[in-house]
Amino acid sequence: MACRGSADECRGDGFCGSDTIRTSPNIVCSAACNDGRAVASPLCCKCKERPAEAKANQTEDLCGGCLRSSLFAKFKLAVTSHSMINPSDNVLVAFSGGSAS
């Protein structure tokens, strides 16, 4: 279902000023998954199967599973590319979900 709002009405927080959003609270407007047009996008940008739950990099609406996969892959790449951990090291990872994590 297309959002009746224009791309100019998108506020960047996943909602726009159109009636579609006010009458359908489970459908959000997202310009990140398309060519800049504001459309109702309740699905994950990556798998296109499950509802989006979070925004990654302020551009992608992802479901929980795809978000976890994305975070794991980025963490693994950072650790392995910089040789941060040796096989004999004990590691504790804390992730709060805040902007500094």
PDB file of N, CA and C in Angstrom:
ATOM      1  N   MET A   1       0.841  -1.166   0.000  1.00  0.00           N
ATOM      2  CA  MET A   1       0.000   0.000   0.000  1.00  0.00           C
ATOM      3  C   MET A   1       0.889   1.233   0.000  1.00  0.00           C
ATOM      4  N   ALA A   2       0.682   2.115  -0.934  1.00  0.00           N
ATOM      5  CA  ALA A   2       1.499   3.323  -1.005  1.00  0.00           C
ATOM      6  C   ALA A   2       1.004   4.359  -0.017  1.00  0.00           C
ATOM      7  N   CYS A   3       1.948   5.046   0.562  1.00  0.00           N
ATOM      8  CA  CYS A   3       1.640   6.138   1.475  1.00  0.00           C
ATOM      9  C   CYS A   3       1.098   7.295   0.646  1.00  0.00           C
ATOM     10  N   ARG A   4       0.072   7.976   1.143  1.00  0.00           N
ATOM     11  CA  ARG A   4      -0.479   9.099   0.397  1.00  0.00           C
ATOM     12  C   ARG A   4       0.356  10.362   0.558  1.00  0.00           C
ATOM     13  N   GLY A   5       1.336  10.329   1.426  1.00  0.00           N
ATOM     14  CA  GLY A   5       2.203  11.493   1.615  1.00  0.00           C
ATOM     15  C   GLY A   5       3.290  11.532   0.559  1.00  0.00           C
ATOM     16  N   SER A   6       3.856  12.691   0.380  1.00  0.00           N
ATOM     17  CA  SER A   6       4.963  12.829  -0.564  1.00  0.00           C
ATOM     18  C   SER A   6       6.277  12.641   0.167  1.00  0.00           C
ATOM     19  N   ALA A   7       7.361  12.532  -0.584  1.00  0.00           N
ATOM     20  CA  ALA A   7       8.679  12.378   0.033  1.00  0.00           C
ATOM     21  C   ALA A   7       9.023  13.584   0.892  1.00  0.00           C
ATOM     22  N   ASP A   8       8.487  14.750   0.536  1.00  0.00           N
ATOM     23  CA  ASP A   8       8.741  15.960   1.329  1.00  0.00           C
ATOM     24  C   ASP A   8       8.083  15.894   2.701  1.00  0.00           C
ATOM     25  N   GLU A   9       7.015  15.098   2.842  1.00  0.00           N
ATOM     26  CA  GLU A   9       6.316  14.992   4.119  1.00  0.00           C
ATOM     27  C   GLU A   9       6.995  14.034   5.077  1.00  0.00           C
ATOM     28  N   CYS A  10       7.892  13.179   4.578  1.00  0.00           N
ATOM     29  CA  CYS A  10       8.585  12.249   5.454  1.00  0.00           C
ATOM     30  C   CYS A  10       9.472  13.023   6.406  1.00  0.00           C
ATOM     31  N   ARG A  11       9.355  12.703   7.695  1.00  0.00           N
ATOM     32  CA  ARG A  11      10.117  13.421   8.707  1.00  0.00           C
ATOM     33  C   ARG A  11      11.418  12.713   9.030  1.00  0.00           C
ATOM     34  N   GLY A  12      11.674  11.543   8.457  1.00  0.00           N
ATOM     35  CA  GLY A  12      12.896  10.828   8.737  1.00  0.00           C
ATOM     36  C   GLY A  12      12.802   9.898   9.931  1.00  0.00           C
ATOM     37  N   ASP A  13      11.702   9.961  10.677  1.00  0.00           N
ATOM     38  CA  ASP A  13      11.545   9.095  11.839  1.00  0.00           C
ATOM     39  C   ASP A  13      10.637   7.914  11.532  1.00  0.00           C
ATOM     40  N   GLY A  14      10.332   7.702  10.259  1.00  0.00           N
ATOM     41  CA  GLY A  14       9.504   6.579   9.880  1.00  0.00           C
ATOM     42  C   GLY A  14       8.039   6.911   9.723  1.00  0.00           C
ATOM     43  N   PHE A  15       7.671   8.152   9.984  1.00  0.00           N
ATOM     44  CA  PHE A  15       6.278   8.537   9.865  1.00  0.00           C
ATOM     45  C   PHE A  15       6.161   9.793   9.015  1.00  0.00           C
ATOM     46  N   CYS A  16       5.038   9.931   8.333  1.00  0.00           N
ATOM     47  CA  CYS A  16       4.812  11.150   7.563  1.00  0.00           C
ATOM     48  C   CYS A  16       3.463  11.728   7.960  1.00  0.00           C
ATOM     49  N   GLY A  17       3.109  12.822   7.379  1.00  0.00           N
ATOM     50  CA  GLY A  17       1.885  13.500   7.762  1.00  0.00           C
ATOM     51  C   GLY A  17       0.649  13.027   7.025  1.00  0.00           C
ATOM     52  N   SER A  18       0.711  11.946   6.288  1.00  0.00           N
ATOM     53  CA  SER A  18      -0.440  11.523   5.497  1.00  0.00           C
ATOM     54  C   SER A  18      -1.488  10.806   6.344  1.00  0.00           C
ATOM     55  N   ASP A  19      -2.693  10.679   5.794  1.00  0.00           N
ATOM     56  CA  ASP A  19      -3.780   9.977   6.481  1.00  0.00           C
ATOM     57  C   ASP A  19      -3.496   8.491   6.624  1.00  0.00           C
ATOM     58  N   THR A  20      -2.682   7.917   5.735  1.00  0.00           N
ATOM     59  CA  THR A  20      -2.373   6.491   5.804  1.00  0.00           C
ATOM     60  C   THR A  20      -1.759   6.151   7.143  1.00  0.00           C
ATOM     61  N   ILE A  21      -0.844   6.978   7.602  1.00  0.00           N
ATOM     62  CA  ILE A  21      -0.160   6.710   8.856  1.00  0.00           C
ATOM     63  C   ILE A  21      -1.107   6.892  10.037  1.00  0.00           C
ATOM     64  N   ARG A  22      -1.929   7.931   9.997  1.00  0.00           N
ATOM     65  CA  ARG A  22      -2.848   8.170  11.112  1.00  0.00           C
ATOM     66  C   ARG A  22      -3.904   7.077  11.226  1.00  0.00           C
ATOM     67  N   THR A  23      -4.320   6.522  10.094  1.00  0.00           N
ATOM     68  CA  THR A  23      -5.363   5.502  10.135  1.00  0.00           C
ATOM     69  C   THR A  23      -4.803   4.093  10.227  1.00  0.00           C
ATOM     70  N   SER A  24      -3.523   3.921   9.923  1.00  0.00           N
ATOM     71  CA  SER A  24      -2.885   2.608   9.970  1.00  0.00           C
ATOM     72  C   SER A  24      -1.608   2.691  10.798  1.00  0.00           C
ATOM     73  N   PRO A  25      -1.698   2.587  12.125  1.00  0.00           N
ATOM     74  CA  PRO A  25      -0.521   2.787  12.963  1.00  0.00           C
ATOM     75  C   PRO A  25       0.574   1.749  12.780  1.00  0.00           C
ATOM     76  N   ASN A  26       0.282   0.586  12.205  1.00  0.00           N
ATOM     77  CA  ASN A  26       1.303  -0.444  12.024  1.00  0.00           C
ATOM     78  C   ASN A  26       2.082  -0.284  10.725  1.00  0.00           C
ATOM     79  N   ILE A  27       1.690   0.657   9.896  1.00  0.00           N
ATOM     80  CA  ILE A  27       2.381   0.886   8.637  1.00  0.00           C
ATOM     81  C   ILE A  27       3.127   2.200   8.753  1.00  0.00           C
ATOM     82  N   VAL A  28       4.416   2.167   8.454  1.00  0.00           N
ATOM     83  CA  VAL A  28       5.215   3.384   8.545  1.00  0.00           C
ATOM     84  C   VAL A  28       5.734   3.774   7.179  1.00  0.00           C
ATOM     85  N   CYS A  29       6.030   5.044   7.031  1.00  0.00           N
ATOM     86  CA  CYS A  29       6.534   5.587   5.788  1.00  0.00           C
ATOM     87  C   CYS A  29       8.051   5.513   5.804  1.00  0.00           C
ATOM     88  N   SER A  30       8.650   4.968   4.767  1.00  0.00           N
ATOM     89  CA  SER A  30      10.106   4.868   4.731  1.00  0.00           C
ATOM     90  C   SER A  30      10.613   5.103   3.327  1.00  0.00           C
ATOM     91  N   ALA A  31      11.496   6.073   3.165  1.00  0.00           N
ATOM     92  CA  ALA A  31      12.086   6.346   1.862  1.00  0.00           C
ATOM     93  C   ALA A  31      13.393   5.590   1.679  1.00  0.00           C
ATOM     94  N   ALA A  32      13.869   4.890   2.706  1.00  0.00           N
ATOM     95  CA  ALA A  32      15.176   4.236   2.643  1.00  0.00           C
ATOM     96  C   ALA A  32      15.184   3.002   1.746  1.00  0.00           C
ATOM     97  N   CYS A  33      14.058   2.322   1.606  1.00  0.00           N
ATOM     98  CA  CYS A  33      14.029   1.069   0.856  1.00  0.00           C
ATOM     99  C   CYS A  33      13.697   1.270  -0.615  1.00  0.00           C
ATOM    100  N   ASN A  34      13.543   2.498  -1.044  1.00  0.00           N
ATOM    101  CA  ASN A  34      13.150   2.706  -2.428  1.00  0.00           C
ATOM    102  C   ASN A  34      13.929   3.869  -3.012  1.00  0.00           C
ATOM    103  N   ASP A  35      13.472   4.390  -4.085  1.00  0.00           N
ATOM    104  CA  ASP A  35      14.207   5.438  -4.796  1.00  0.00           C
ATOM    105  C   ASP A  35      13.857   6.838  -4.308  1.00  0.00           C
ATOM    106  N   GLY A  36      13.528   6.994  -3.053  1.00  0.00           N
ATOM    107  CA  GLY A  36      13.259   8.307  -2.490  1.00  0.00           C
ATOM    108  C   GLY A  36      11.788   8.647  -2.376  1.00  0.00           C
ATOM    109  N   ARG A  37      10.914   7.810  -2.915  1.00  0.00           N
ATOM    110  CA  ARG A  37       9.485   8.060  -2.784  1.00  0.00           C
ATOM    111  C   ARG A  37       9.015   7.586  -1.422  1.00  0.00           C
ATOM    112  N   ALA A  38       8.098   8.295  -0.828  1.00  0.00           N
ATOM    113  CA  ALA A  38       7.556   7.886   0.458  1.00  0.00           C
ATOM    114  C   ALA A  38       6.509   6.804   0.222  1.00  0.00           C
ATOM    115  N   VAL A  39       6.741   5.620   0.758  1.00  0.00           N
ATOM    116  CA  VAL A  39       5.798   4.516   0.627  1.00  0.00           C
ATOM    117  C   VAL A  39       5.609   3.859   1.982  1.00  0.00           C
ATOM    118  N   ALA A  40       4.477   3.221   2.178  1.00  0.00           N
ATOM    119  CA  ALA A  40       4.251   2.479   3.411  1.00  0.00           C
ATOM    120  C   ALA A  40       5.123   1.237   3.358  1.00  0.00           C
ATOM    121  N   SER A  41       5.948   1.034   4.373  1.00  0.00           N
ATOM    122  CA  SER A  41       6.903  -0.068   4.334  1.00  0.00           C
ATOM    123  C   SER A  41       6.964  -0.772   5.674  1.00  0.00           C
ATOM    124  N   PRO A  42       6.074  -1.711   5.923  1.00  0.00           N
ATOM    125  CA  PRO A  42       6.117  -2.415   7.196  1.00  0.00           C
ATOM    126  C   PRO A  42       7.119  -3.560   7.206  1.00  0.00           C
ATOM    127  N   LEU A  43       7.762  -3.853   6.078  1.00  0.00           N
ATOM    128  CA  LEU A  43       8.649  -5.006   5.982  1.00  0.00           C
ATOM    129  C   LEU A  43      10.117  -4.618   6.094  1.00  0.00           C
ATOM    130  N   CYS A  44      10.905  -5.582   6.514  1.00  0.00           N
ATOM    131  CA  CYS A  44      12.359  -5.446   6.610  1.00  0.00           C
ATOM    132  C   CYS A  44      12.937  -5.181   5.217  1.00  0.00           C
ATOM    133  N   CYS A  45      13.866  -4.232   5.128  1.00  0.00           N
ATOM    134  CA  CYS A  45      14.501  -3.910   3.838  1.00  0.00           C
ATOM    135  C   CYS A  45      15.385  -5.039   3.328  1.00  0.00           C
ATOM    136  N   LYS A  46      15.897  -5.859   4.237  1.00  0.00           N
ATOM    137  CA  LYS A  46      16.851  -6.897   3.844  1.00  0.00           C
ATOM    138  C   LYS A  46      16.145  -8.191   3.413  1.00  0.00           C
ATOM    139  N   CYS A  47      15.318  -8.760   4.284  1.00  0.00           N
ATOM    140  CA  CYS A  47      14.687 -10.048   3.964  1.00  0.00           C
ATOM    141  C   CYS A  47      13.332  -9.889   3.284  1.00  0.00           C
ATOM    142  N   LYS A  48      12.699  -8.750   3.432  1.00  0.00           N
ATOM    143  CA  LYS A  48      11.385  -8.457   2.838  1.00  0.00           C
ATOM    144  C   LYS A  48      10.300  -9.444   3.271  1.00  0.00           C
ATOM    145  N   GLU A  49      10.495 -10.082   4.449  1.00  0.00           N
ATOM    146  CA  GLU A  49       9.530 -11.073   4.918  1.00  0.00           C
ATOM    147  C   GLU A  49       8.901 -10.708   6.255  1.00  0.00           C
ATOM    148  N   ARG A  50       9.703 -10.177   7.171  1.00  0.00           N
ATOM    149  CA  ARG A  50       9.228  -9.888   8.525  1.00  0.00           C
ATOM    150  C   ARG A  50       9.063  -8.384   8.716  1.00  0.00           C
ATOM    151  N   PRO A  51       8.240  -7.975   9.677  1.00  0.00           N
ATOM    152  CA  PRO A  51       8.048  -6.542   9.941  1.00  0.00           C
ATOM    153  C   PRO A  51       9.335  -5.889  10.444  1.00  0.00           C
ATOM    154  N   ALA A  52       9.579  -4.673  10.007  1.00  0.00           N
ATOM    155  CA  ALA A  52      10.748  -3.918  10.462  1.00  0.00           C
ATOM    156  C   ALA A  52      10.547  -3.511  11.912  1.00  0.00           C
ATOM    157  N   GLU A  53      11.613  -3.657  12.717  1.00  0.00           N
ATOM    158  CA  GLU A  53      11.555  -3.319  14.136  1.00  0.00           C
ATOM    159  C   GLU A  53      12.533  -2.225  14.515  1.00  0.00           C
ATOM    160  N   ALA A  54      13.587  -2.042  13.723  1.00  0.00           N
ATOM    161  CA  ALA A  54      14.626  -1.077  14.069  1.00  0.00           C
ATOM    162  C   ALA A  54      15.214  -0.468  12.802  1.00  0.00           C
ATOM    163  N   LYS A  55      15.844   0.673  12.991  1.00  0.00           N
ATOM    164  CA  LYS A  55      16.498   1.353  11.880  1.00  0.00           C
ATOM    165  C   LYS A  55      18.004   1.251  12.070  1.00  0.00           C
ATOM    166  N   ALA A  56      18.704   0.684  11.097  1.00  0.00           N
ATOM    167  CA  ALA A  56      20.157   0.547  11.155  1.00  0.00           C
ATOM    168  C   ALA A  56      20.794   1.620  10.284  1.00  0.00           C
ATOM    169  N   ASN A  57      21.847   2.240  10.786  1.00  0.00           N
ATOM    170  CA  ASN A  57      22.561   3.292  10.049  1.00  0.00           C
ATOM    171  C   ASN A  57      21.645   4.426   9.612  1.00  0.00           C
ATOM    172  N   GLN A  58      20.538   4.600  10.253  1.00  0.00           N
ATOM    173  CA  GLN A  58      19.549   5.635   9.957  1.00  0.00           C
ATOM    174  C   GLN A  58      19.010   5.551   8.537  1.00  0.00           C
ATOM    175  N   THR A  59      19.223   4.429   7.864  1.00  0.00           N
ATOM    176  CA  THR A  59      18.748   4.300   6.487  1.00  0.00           C
ATOM    177  C   THR A  59      17.960   3.027   6.228  1.00  0.00           C
ATOM    178  N   GLU A  60      18.238   1.960   6.960  1.00  0.00           N
ATOM    179  CA  GLU A  60      17.614   0.673   6.681  1.00  0.00           C
ATOM    180  C   GLU A  60      16.652   0.286   7.801  1.00  0.00           C
ATOM    181  N   ASP A  61      15.428  -0.046   7.447  1.00  0.00           N
ATOM    182  CA  ASP A  61      14.482  -0.601   8.409  1.00  0.00           C
ATOM    183  C   ASP A  61      14.680  -2.109   8.413  1.00  0.00           C
ATOM    184  N   LEU A  62      15.081  -2.672   9.572  1.00  0.00           N
ATOM    185  CA  LEU A  62      15.393  -4.096   9.656  1.00  0.00           C
ATOM    186  C   LEU A  62      14.544  -4.797  10.700  1.00  0.00           C
ATOM    187  N   CYS A  63      14.275  -6.079  10.467  1.00  0.00           N
ATOM    188  CA  CYS A  63      13.618  -6.916  11.465  1.00  0.00           C
ATOM    189  C   CYS A  63      14.666  -7.318  12.504  1.00  0.00           C
ATOM    190  N   GLY A  64      14.251  -7.923  13.577  1.00  0.00           N
ATOM    191  CA  GLY A  64      15.171  -8.313  14.640  1.00  0.00           C
ATOM    192  C   GLY A  64      16.256  -9.263  14.172  1.00  0.00           C
ATOM    193  N   GLY A  65      15.908 -10.257  13.383  1.00  0.00           N
ATOM    194  CA  GLY A  65      16.887 -11.229  12.900  1.00  0.00           C
ATOM    195  C   GLY A  65      17.929 -10.611  11.988  1.00  0.00           C
ATOM    196  N   CYS A  66      17.495  -9.771  11.074  1.00  0.00           N
ATOM    197  CA  CYS A  66      18.441  -9.123  10.159  1.00  0.00           C
ATOM    198  C   CYS A  66      19.305  -8.104  10.897  1.00  0.00           C
ATOM    199  N   LEU A  67      18.745  -7.435  11.903  1.00  0.00           N
ATOM    200  CA  LEU A  67      19.534  -6.498  12.700  1.00  0.00           C
ATOM    201  C   LEU A  67      20.638  -7.235  13.446  1.00  0.00           C
ATOM    202  N   ARG A  68      20.295  -8.370  14.069  1.00  0.00           N
ATOM    203  CA  ARG A  68      21.304  -9.164  14.777  1.00  0.00           C
ATOM    204  C   ARG A  68      22.387  -9.650  13.820  1.00  0.00           C
ATOM    205  N   SER A  69      21.993 -10.132  12.654  1.00  0.00           N
ATOM    206  CA  SER A  69      22.966 -10.600  11.662  1.00  0.00           C
ATOM    207  C   SER A  69      23.890  -9.469  11.220  1.00  0.00           C
ATOM    208  N   SER A  70      23.314  -8.299  10.996  1.00  0.00           N
ATOM    209  CA  SER A  70      24.100  -7.148  10.571  1.00  0.00           C
ATOM    210  C   SER A  70      25.095  -6.724  11.649  1.00  0.00           C
ATOM    211  N   LEU A  71      24.637  -6.659  12.896  1.00  0.00           N
ATOM    212  CA  LEU A  71      25.521  -6.272  14.001  1.00  0.00           C
ATOM    213  C   LEU A  71      26.635  -7.292  14.198  1.00  0.00           C
ATOM    214  N   PHE A  72      26.297  -8.576  14.138  1.00  0.00           N
ATOM    215  CA  PHE A  72      27.299  -9.627  14.308  1.00  0.00           C
ATOM    216  C   PHE A  72      28.359  -9.550  13.212  1.00  0.00           C
ATOM    217  N   ALA A  73      27.922  -9.369  11.971  1.00  0.00           N
ATOM    218  CA  ALA A  73      28.864  -9.303  10.852  1.00  0.00           C
ATOM    219  C   ALA A  73      29.793  -8.096  10.980  1.00  0.00           C
ATOM    220  N   LYS A  74      29.243  -6.948  11.381  1.00  0.00           N
ATOM    221  CA  LYS A  74      30.078  -5.751  11.539  1.00  0.00           C
ATOM    222  C   LYS A  74      31.067  -5.917  12.683  1.00  0.00           C
ATOM    223  N   PHE A  75      30.625  -6.503  13.784  1.00  0.00           N
ATOM    224  CA  PHE A  75      31.510  -6.736  14.926  1.00  0.00           C
ATOM    225  C   PHE A  75      32.623  -7.703  14.543  1.00  0.00           C
ATOM    226  N   LYS A  76      32.250  -8.797  13.889  1.00  0.00           N
ATOM    227  CA  LYS A  76      33.239  -9.802  13.492  1.00  0.00           C
ATOM    228  C   LYS A  76      34.268  -9.217  12.527  1.00  0.00           C
ATOM    229  N   LEU A  77      33.824  -8.413  11.577  1.00  0.00           N
ATOM    230  CA  LEU A  77      34.733  -7.786  10.626  1.00  0.00           C
ATOM    231  C   LEU A  77      35.702  -6.843  11.338  1.00  0.00           C
ATOM    232  N   ALA A  78      35.192  -6.038  12.264  1.00  0.00           N
ATOM    233  CA  ALA A  78      36.050  -5.099  12.995  1.00  0.00           C
ATOM    234  C   ALA A  78      37.090  -5.836  13.828  1.00  0.00           C
ATOM    235  N   VAL A  79      36.677  -6.887  14.517  1.00  0.00           N
ATOM    236  CA  VAL A  79      37.593  -7.635  15.384  1.00  0.00           C
ATOM    237  C   VAL A  79      38.648  -8.372  14.568  1.00  0.00           C
ATOM    238  N   THR A  80      38.247  -9.038  13.511  1.00  0.00           N
ATOM    239  CA  THR A  80      39.207  -9.824  12.732  1.00  0.00           C
ATOM    240  C   THR A  80      40.125  -8.949  11.883  1.00  0.00           C
ATOM    241  N   SER A  81      39.617  -7.860  11.343  1.00  0.00           N
ATOM    242  CA  SER A  81      40.453  -7.028  10.472  1.00  0.00           C
ATOM    243  C   SER A  81      41.513  -6.252  11.245  1.00  0.00           C
ATOM    244  N   HIS A  82      41.288  -6.019  12.543  1.00  0.00           N
ATOM    245  CA  HIS A  82      42.256  -5.278  13.356  1.00  0.00           C
ATOM    246  C   HIS A  82      42.987  -6.174  14.353  1.00  0.00           C
ATOM    247  N   SER A  83      42.830  -7.468  14.247  1.00  0.00           N
ATOM    248  CA  SER A  83      43.483  -8.437  15.153  1.00  0.00           C
ATOM    249  C   SER A  83      43.328  -8.030  16.616  1.00  0.00           C
ATOM    250  N   MET A  84      42.116  -7.744  17.016  1.00  0.00           N
ATOM    251  CA  MET A  84      41.848  -7.248  18.364  1.00  0.00           C
ATOM    252  C   MET A  84      41.830  -8.351  19.420  1.00  0.00           C
ATOM    253  N   ILE A  85      41.516  -9.570  19.008  1.00  0.00           N
ATOM    254  CA  ILE A  85      41.357 -10.662  19.966  1.00  0.00           C
ATOM    255  C   ILE A  85      42.182 -11.858  19.511  1.00  0.00           C
ATOM    256  N   ASN A  86      42.897 -12.446  20.457  1.00  0.00           N
ATOM    257  CA  ASN A  86      43.642 -13.681  20.197  1.00  0.00           C
ATOM    258  C   ASN A  86      42.768 -14.868  20.567  1.00  0.00           C
ATOM    259  N   PRO A  87      43.004 -16.038  19.987  1.00  0.00           N
ATOM    260  CA  PRO A  87      42.184 -17.215  20.307  1.00  0.00           C
ATOM    261  C   PRO A  87      42.197 -17.591  21.787  1.00  0.00           C
ATOM    262  N   SER A  88      43.237 -17.237  22.517  1.00  0.00           N
ATOM    263  CA  SER A  88      43.318 -17.605  23.939  1.00  0.00           C
ATOM    264  C   SER A  88      42.700 -16.555  24.865  1.00  0.00           C
ATOM    265  N   ASP A  89      42.224 -15.429  24.335  1.00  0.00           N
ATOM    266  CA  ASP A  89      41.652 -14.354  25.153  1.00  0.00           C
ATOM    267  C   ASP A  89      40.244 -14.692  25.625  1.00  0.00           C
ATOM    268  N   ASN A  90      39.909 -14.234  26.838  1.00  0.00           N
ATOM    269  CA  ASN A  90      38.534 -14.271  27.330  1.00  0.00           C
ATOM    270  C   ASN A  90      37.897 -12.932  26.982  1.00  0.00           C
ATOM    271  N   VAL A  91      36.670 -12.962  26.457  1.00  0.00           N
ATOM    272  CA  VAL A  91      36.039 -11.744  25.971  1.00  0.00           C
ATOM    273  C   VAL A  91      34.645 -11.600  26.563  1.00  0.00           C
ATOM    274  N   LEU A  92      34.319 -10.380  26.981  1.00  0.00           N
ATOM    275  CA  LEU A  92      32.973 -10.036  27.421  1.00  0.00           C
ATOM    276  C   LEU A  92      32.517  -8.875  26.557  1.00  0.00           C
ATOM    277  N   VAL A  93      31.369  -9.011  25.931  1.00  0.00           N
ATOM    278  CA  VAL A  93      30.842  -7.954  25.079  1.00  0.00           C
ATOM    279  C   VAL A  93      29.568  -7.429  25.710  1.00  0.00           C
ATOM    280  N   ALA A  94      29.507  -6.110  25.909  1.00  0.00           N
ATOM    281  CA  ALA A  94      28.307  -5.457  26.440  1.00  0.00           C
ATOM    282  C   ALA A  94      27.731  -4.566  25.348  1.00  0.00           C
ATOM    283  N   PHE A  95      26.456  -4.708  25.100  1.00  0.00           N
ATOM    284  CA  PHE A  95      25.794  -3.918  24.064  1.00  0.00           C
ATOM    285  C   PHE A  95      24.500  -3.386  24.638  1.00  0.00           C
ATOM    286  N   SER A  96      24.407  -2.079  24.794  1.00  0.00           N
ATOM    287  CA  SER A  96      23.221  -1.486  25.408  1.00  0.00           C
ATOM    288  C   SER A  96      22.164  -1.105  24.387  1.00  0.00           C
ATOM    289  N   GLY A  97      22.564  -0.924  23.147  1.00  0.00           N
ATOM    290  CA  GLY A  97      21.623  -0.496  22.127  1.00  0.00           C
ATOM    291  C   GLY A  97      21.570   1.008  21.978  1.00  0.00           C
ATOM    292  N   GLY A  98      22.324   1.721  22.804  1.00  0.00           N
ATOM    293  CA  GLY A  98      22.366   3.170  22.713  1.00  0.00           C
ATOM    294  C   GLY A  98      23.207   3.632  21.536  1.00  0.00           C
ATOM    295  N   SER A  99      23.216   4.928  21.298  1.00  0.00           N
ATOM    296  CA  SER A  99      23.941   5.463  20.147  1.00  0.00           C
ATOM    297  C   SER A  99      25.446   5.290  20.272  1.00  0.00           C
ATOM    298  N   ALA A 100      25.970   5.125  21.482  1.00  0.00           N
ATOM    299  CA  ALA A 100      27.409   4.962  21.670  1.00  0.00           C
ATOM    300  C   ALA A 100      27.844   3.496  21.630  1.00  0.00           C
ATOM    301  N   SER A 101      26.925   2.573  21.527  1.00  0.00           N
ATOM    302  CA  SER A 101      27.274   1.141  21.519  1.00  0.00           C
ATOM    303  C   SER A 101      27.767   0.696  20.169  1.00  0.00           C
TER     304      SER A 101
END
